[in-house]
């Protein structure tokens, strides 16, 4: 069984410039309509939310590529959703791979005034990470 991990850091100044240059086309290429709506509903922190989601998408693409190198994901095929408690979850919109091995994706996001960061872990469905210290009587 395979596990993949990915991390990405986004400098907010550079991301803001990319948004300015790319405009609506950049938003459509990178984000789903739901992600843009979510971020725009947070008037004072739109940039932070978009940058964190950008970092999450990059981290997920890196994690998935370690398990399935032929599974080429576009940025807008990776959607970051929040559950009722605000925890981020990933939904993949890649219909071409519906029959492939199902993946479980875990993601964590954070940001400061200057950077947004995300890490992602991908593993095959049914895979439970082992606990080496719990084996052989260790604690």
C-alpha atoms as a PDB file:
ATOM      1  CA  UNK A   1       0.000   0.000   0.000  1.00  0.00           C
ATOM      2  CA  UNK A   2       1.200   3.458  -0.821  1.00  0.00           C
ATOM      3  CA  UNK A   3       1.128   6.759   1.015  1.00  0.00           C
ATOM      4  CA  UNK A   4       1.887  10.135  -0.530  1.00  0.00           C
ATOM      5  CA  UNK A   5       2.485  13.470   1.131  1.00  0.00           C
ATOM      6  CA  UNK A   6       2.722  17.002  -0.139  1.00  0.00           C
ATOM      7  CA  UNK A   7       3.257  20.500   1.232  1.00  0.00           C
ATOM      8  CA  UNK A   8       3.057  23.961  -0.287  1.00  0.00           C
ATOM      9  CA  UNK A   9       3.733  27.482   0.944  1.00  0.00           C
ATOM     10  CA  UNK A  10       2.231  30.537  -0.779  1.00  0.00           C
ATOM     11  CA  UNK A  11       3.655  34.029  -0.273  1.00  0.00           C
ATOM     12  CA  UNK A  12       0.641  36.333  -0.060  1.00  0.00           C
ATOM     13  CA  UNK A  13       2.298  39.236  -1.908  1.00  0.00           C
ATOM     14  CA  UNK A  14       3.117  37.008  -4.891  1.00  0.00           C
ATOM     15  CA  UNK A  15      -0.332  35.417  -4.819  1.00  0.00           C
ATOM     16  CA  UNK A  16      -2.004  38.842  -4.738  1.00  0.00           C
ATOM     17  CA  UNK A  17       0.006  39.856  -7.804  1.00  0.00           C
ATOM     18  CA  UNK A  18      -0.984  36.631  -9.620  1.00  0.00           C
ATOM     19  CA  UNK A  19      -4.642  37.384  -8.847  1.00  0.00           C
ATOM     20  CA  UNK A  20      -4.257  40.945 -10.121  1.00  0.00           C
ATOM     21  CA  UNK A  21      -2.583  39.846 -13.359  1.00  0.00           C
ATOM     22  CA  UNK A  22      -4.817  36.831 -14.005  1.00  0.00           C
ATOM     23  CA  UNK A  23      -8.143  38.243 -12.840  1.00  0.00           C
ATOM     24  CA  UNK A  24     -11.301  36.243 -13.431  1.00  0.00           C
ATOM     25  CA  UNK A  25      -9.519  33.842 -15.813  1.00  0.00           C
ATOM     26  CA  UNK A  26      -7.063  32.909 -13.057  1.00  0.00           C
ATOM     27  CA  UNK A  27      -9.920  32.287 -10.619  1.00  0.00           C
ATOM     28  CA  UNK A  28     -11.750  30.027 -13.115  1.00  0.00           C
ATOM     29  CA  UNK A  29      -8.575  28.099 -13.960  1.00  0.00           C
ATOM     30  CA  UNK A  30      -7.654  27.447 -10.331  1.00  0.00           C
ATOM     31  CA  UNK A  31     -10.794  27.475  -8.171  1.00  0.00           C
ATOM     32  CA  UNK A  32     -14.286  26.008  -8.280  1.00  0.00           C
ATOM     33  CA  UNK A  33     -17.268  28.355  -8.088  1.00  0.00           C
ATOM     34  CA  UNK A  34     -17.964  27.127  -4.535  1.00  0.00           C
ATOM     35  CA  UNK A  35     -14.428  27.972  -3.407  1.00  0.00           C
ATOM     36  CA  UNK A  36     -14.657  31.497  -4.807  1.00  0.00           C
ATOM     37  CA  UNK A  37     -18.069  31.999  -3.171  1.00  0.00           C
ATOM     38  CA  UNK A  38     -16.713  30.734   0.163  1.00  0.00           C
ATOM     39  CA  UNK A  39     -13.728  33.104   0.056  1.00  0.00           C
ATOM     40  CA  UNK A  40     -15.696  36.149  -1.116  1.00  0.00           C
ATOM     41  CA  UNK A  41     -18.151  35.699   1.767  1.00  0.00           C
ATOM     42  CA  UNK A  42     -15.207  36.514   4.070  1.00  0.00           C
ATOM     43  CA  UNK A  43     -14.656  40.110   2.963  1.00  0.00           C
ATOM     44  CA  UNK A  44     -11.634  40.934   5.140  1.00  0.00           C
ATOM     45  CA  UNK A  45      -9.821  37.648   4.542  1.00  0.00           C
ATOM     46  CA  UNK A  46     -10.615  36.733   0.911  1.00  0.00           C
ATOM     47  CA  UNK A  47      -6.938  36.669  -0.052  1.00  0.00           C
ATOM     48  CA  UNK A  48      -5.969  34.438   2.891  1.00  0.00           C
ATOM     49  CA  UNK A  49      -8.694  31.907   2.131  1.00  0.00           C
ATOM     50  CA  UNK A  50      -7.883  31.743  -1.572  1.00  0.00           C
ATOM     51  CA  UNK A  51      -4.144  31.479  -0.927  1.00  0.00           C
ATOM     52  CA  UNK A  52      -4.627  28.668   1.606  1.00  0.00           C
ATOM     53  CA  UNK A  53      -6.816  26.788  -0.867  1.00  0.00           C
ATOM     54  CA  UNK A  54      -4.221  27.316  -3.596  1.00  0.00           C
ATOM     55  CA  UNK A  55      -1.580  25.824  -1.279  1.00  0.00           C
ATOM     56  CA  UNK A  56      -3.901  22.897  -0.464  1.00  0.00           C
ATOM     57  CA  UNK A  57      -4.435  22.144  -4.149  1.00  0.00           C
ATOM     58  CA  UNK A  58      -0.676  22.116  -4.781  1.00  0.00           C
ATOM     59  CA  UNK A  59      -0.083  19.886  -1.743  1.00  0.00           C
ATOM     60  CA  UNK A  60      -2.821  17.439  -2.818  1.00  0.00           C
ATOM     61  CA  UNK A  61      -1.461  17.249  -6.377  1.00  0.00           C
ATOM     62  CA  UNK A  62       2.003  16.462  -4.983  1.00  0.00           C
ATOM     63  CA  UNK A  63       0.639  13.795  -2.596  1.00  0.00           C
ATOM     64  CA  UNK A  64      -1.503  12.106  -5.252  1.00  0.00           C
ATOM     65  CA  UNK A  65       1.373  12.098  -7.770  1.00  0.00           C
ATOM     66  CA  UNK A  66       3.450   9.992  -5.363  1.00  0.00           C
ATOM     67  CA  UNK A  67       0.803   7.249  -5.352  1.00  0.00           C
ATOM     68  CA  UNK A  68      -0.522   7.577  -8.902  1.00  0.00           C
ATOM     69  CA  UNK A  69       2.016   9.383 -11.117  1.00  0.00           C
ATOM     70  CA  UNK A  70      -0.236   9.117 -14.185  1.00  0.00           C
ATOM     71  CA  UNK A  71      -3.145  10.791 -12.407  1.00  0.00           C
ATOM     72  CA  UNK A  72      -2.659  14.326 -13.650  1.00  0.00           C
ATOM     73  CA  UNK A  73      -4.920  16.694 -11.721  1.00  0.00           C
ATOM     74  CA  UNK A  74      -5.710  20.243 -12.785  1.00  0.00           C
ATOM     75  CA  UNK A  75      -5.987  22.826 -10.020  1.00  0.00           C
ATOM     76  CA  UNK A  76      -9.746  23.252 -10.462  1.00  0.00           C
ATOM     77  CA  UNK A  77     -10.249  19.480 -10.193  1.00  0.00           C
ATOM     78  CA  UNK A  78      -9.147  19.650  -6.553  1.00  0.00           C
ATOM     79  CA  UNK A  79     -11.846  21.257  -4.414  1.00  0.00           C
ATOM     80  CA  UNK A  80     -11.383  22.290  -0.797  1.00  0.00           C
ATOM     81  CA  UNK A  81     -14.660  22.100   1.129  1.00  0.00           C
ATOM     82  CA  UNK A  82     -15.335  22.698   4.799  1.00  0.00           C
ATOM     83  CA  UNK A  83     -17.504  20.511   6.983  1.00  0.00           C
ATOM     84  CA  UNK A  84     -19.981  21.854   9.543  1.00  0.00           C
ATOM     85  CA  UNK A  85     -17.139  22.329  12.051  1.00  0.00           C
ATOM     86  CA  UNK A  86     -14.998  24.274   9.561  1.00  0.00           C
ATOM     87  CA  UNK A  87     -12.506  21.455   8.952  1.00  0.00           C
ATOM     88  CA  UNK A  88     -11.174  21.314   5.380  1.00  0.00           C
ATOM     89  CA  UNK A  89     -11.826  18.275   3.205  1.00  0.00           C
ATOM     90  CA  UNK A  90     -10.820  17.470  -0.372  1.00  0.00           C
ATOM     91  CA  UNK A  91     -13.085  16.432  -3.213  1.00  0.00           C
ATOM     92  CA  UNK A  92     -11.538  15.397  -6.537  1.00  0.00           C
ATOM     93  CA  UNK A  93     -13.429  16.213  -9.736  1.00  0.00           C
ATOM     94  CA  UNK A  94     -11.488  13.888 -12.042  1.00  0.00           C
ATOM     95  CA  UNK A  95     -14.110  11.731 -13.740  1.00  0.00           C
ATOM     96  CA  UNK A  96     -11.491  10.063 -15.927  1.00  0.00           C
ATOM     97  CA  UNK A  97     -10.171   8.194 -12.872  1.00  0.00           C
ATOM     98  CA  UNK A  98     -13.477   7.058 -11.336  1.00  0.00           C
ATOM     99  CA  UNK A  99     -12.538   3.403 -11.772  1.00  0.00           C
ATOM    100  CA  UNK A 100      -9.045   3.787 -10.325  1.00  0.00           C
ATOM    101  CA  UNK A 101      -7.997   2.961  -6.785  1.00  0.00           C
ATOM    102  CA  UNK A 102      -9.977   5.169  -4.379  1.00  0.00           C
ATOM    103  CA  UNK A 103      -7.873   7.530  -2.301  1.00  0.00           C
ATOM    104  CA  UNK A 104      -8.381   9.056   1.104  1.00  0.00           C
ATOM    105  CA  UNK A 105      -7.020  12.589   1.326  1.00  0.00           C
ATOM    106  CA  UNK A 106      -6.263  14.485   4.511  1.00  0.00           C
ATOM    107  CA  UNK A 107      -5.371  18.166   4.441  1.00  0.00           C
ATOM    108  CA  UNK A 108      -4.399  20.863   6.904  1.00  0.00           C
ATOM    109  CA  UNK A 109      -4.284  24.609   6.138  1.00  0.00           C
ATOM    110  CA  UNK A 110      -2.849  27.588   7.970  1.00  0.00           C
ATOM    111  CA  UNK A 111      -1.893  31.188   7.263  1.00  0.00           C
ATOM    112  CA  UNK A 112      -0.279  34.286   8.707  1.00  0.00           C
ATOM    113  CA  UNK A 113      -0.211  37.859   7.407  1.00  0.00           C
ATOM    114  CA  UNK A 114       2.512  36.924   4.895  1.00  0.00           C
ATOM    115  CA  UNK A 115       2.121  33.246   3.964  1.00  0.00           C
ATOM    116  CA  UNK A 116      -0.402  30.459   3.590  1.00  0.00           C
ATOM    117  CA  UNK A 117       0.641  26.834   3.984  1.00  0.00           C
ATOM    118  CA  UNK A 118      -1.019  23.473   3.471  1.00  0.00           C
ATOM    119  CA  UNK A 119      -0.013  19.874   3.794  1.00  0.00           C
ATOM    120  CA  UNK A 120      -1.763  16.836   2.390  1.00  0.00           C
ATOM    121  CA  UNK A 121      -1.561  13.112   2.943  1.00  0.00           C
ATOM    122  CA  UNK A 122      -2.997  10.672   0.423  1.00  0.00           C
ATOM    123  CA  UNK A 123      -3.485   6.962   1.017  1.00  0.00           C
ATOM    124  CA  UNK A 124      -5.425   4.133  -0.506  1.00  0.00           C
ATOM    125  CA  UNK A 125      -8.895   3.466   0.903  1.00  0.00           C
ATOM    126  CA  UNK A 126      -8.780   0.888   3.632  1.00  0.00           C
ATOM    127  CA  UNK A 127      -5.184   1.697   4.516  1.00  0.00           C
ATOM    128  CA  UNK A 128      -4.609   2.379   8.188  1.00  0.00           C
ATOM    129  CA  UNK A 129      -1.208   3.861   9.027  1.00  0.00           C
ATOM    130  CA  UNK A 130       0.750   1.515  11.256  1.00  0.00           C
ATOM    131  CA  UNK A 131       2.007   2.580  14.653  1.00  0.00           C
ATOM    132  CA  UNK A 132       5.596   1.292  14.902  1.00  0.00           C
ATOM    133  CA  UNK A 133       6.019   2.274  18.558  1.00  0.00           C
ATOM    134  CA  UNK A 134       2.901   0.294  19.534  1.00  0.00           C
ATOM    135  CA  UNK A 135       4.426  -2.857  18.077  1.00  0.00           C
ATOM    136  CA  UNK A 136       6.716  -5.162  20.053  1.00  0.00           C
ATOM    137  CA  UNK A 137       5.481  -3.882  23.409  1.00  0.00           C
ATOM    138  CA  UNK A 138       6.719  -0.285  22.900  1.00  0.00           C
ATOM    139  CA  UNK A 139       4.724   2.705  23.982  1.00  0.00           C
END
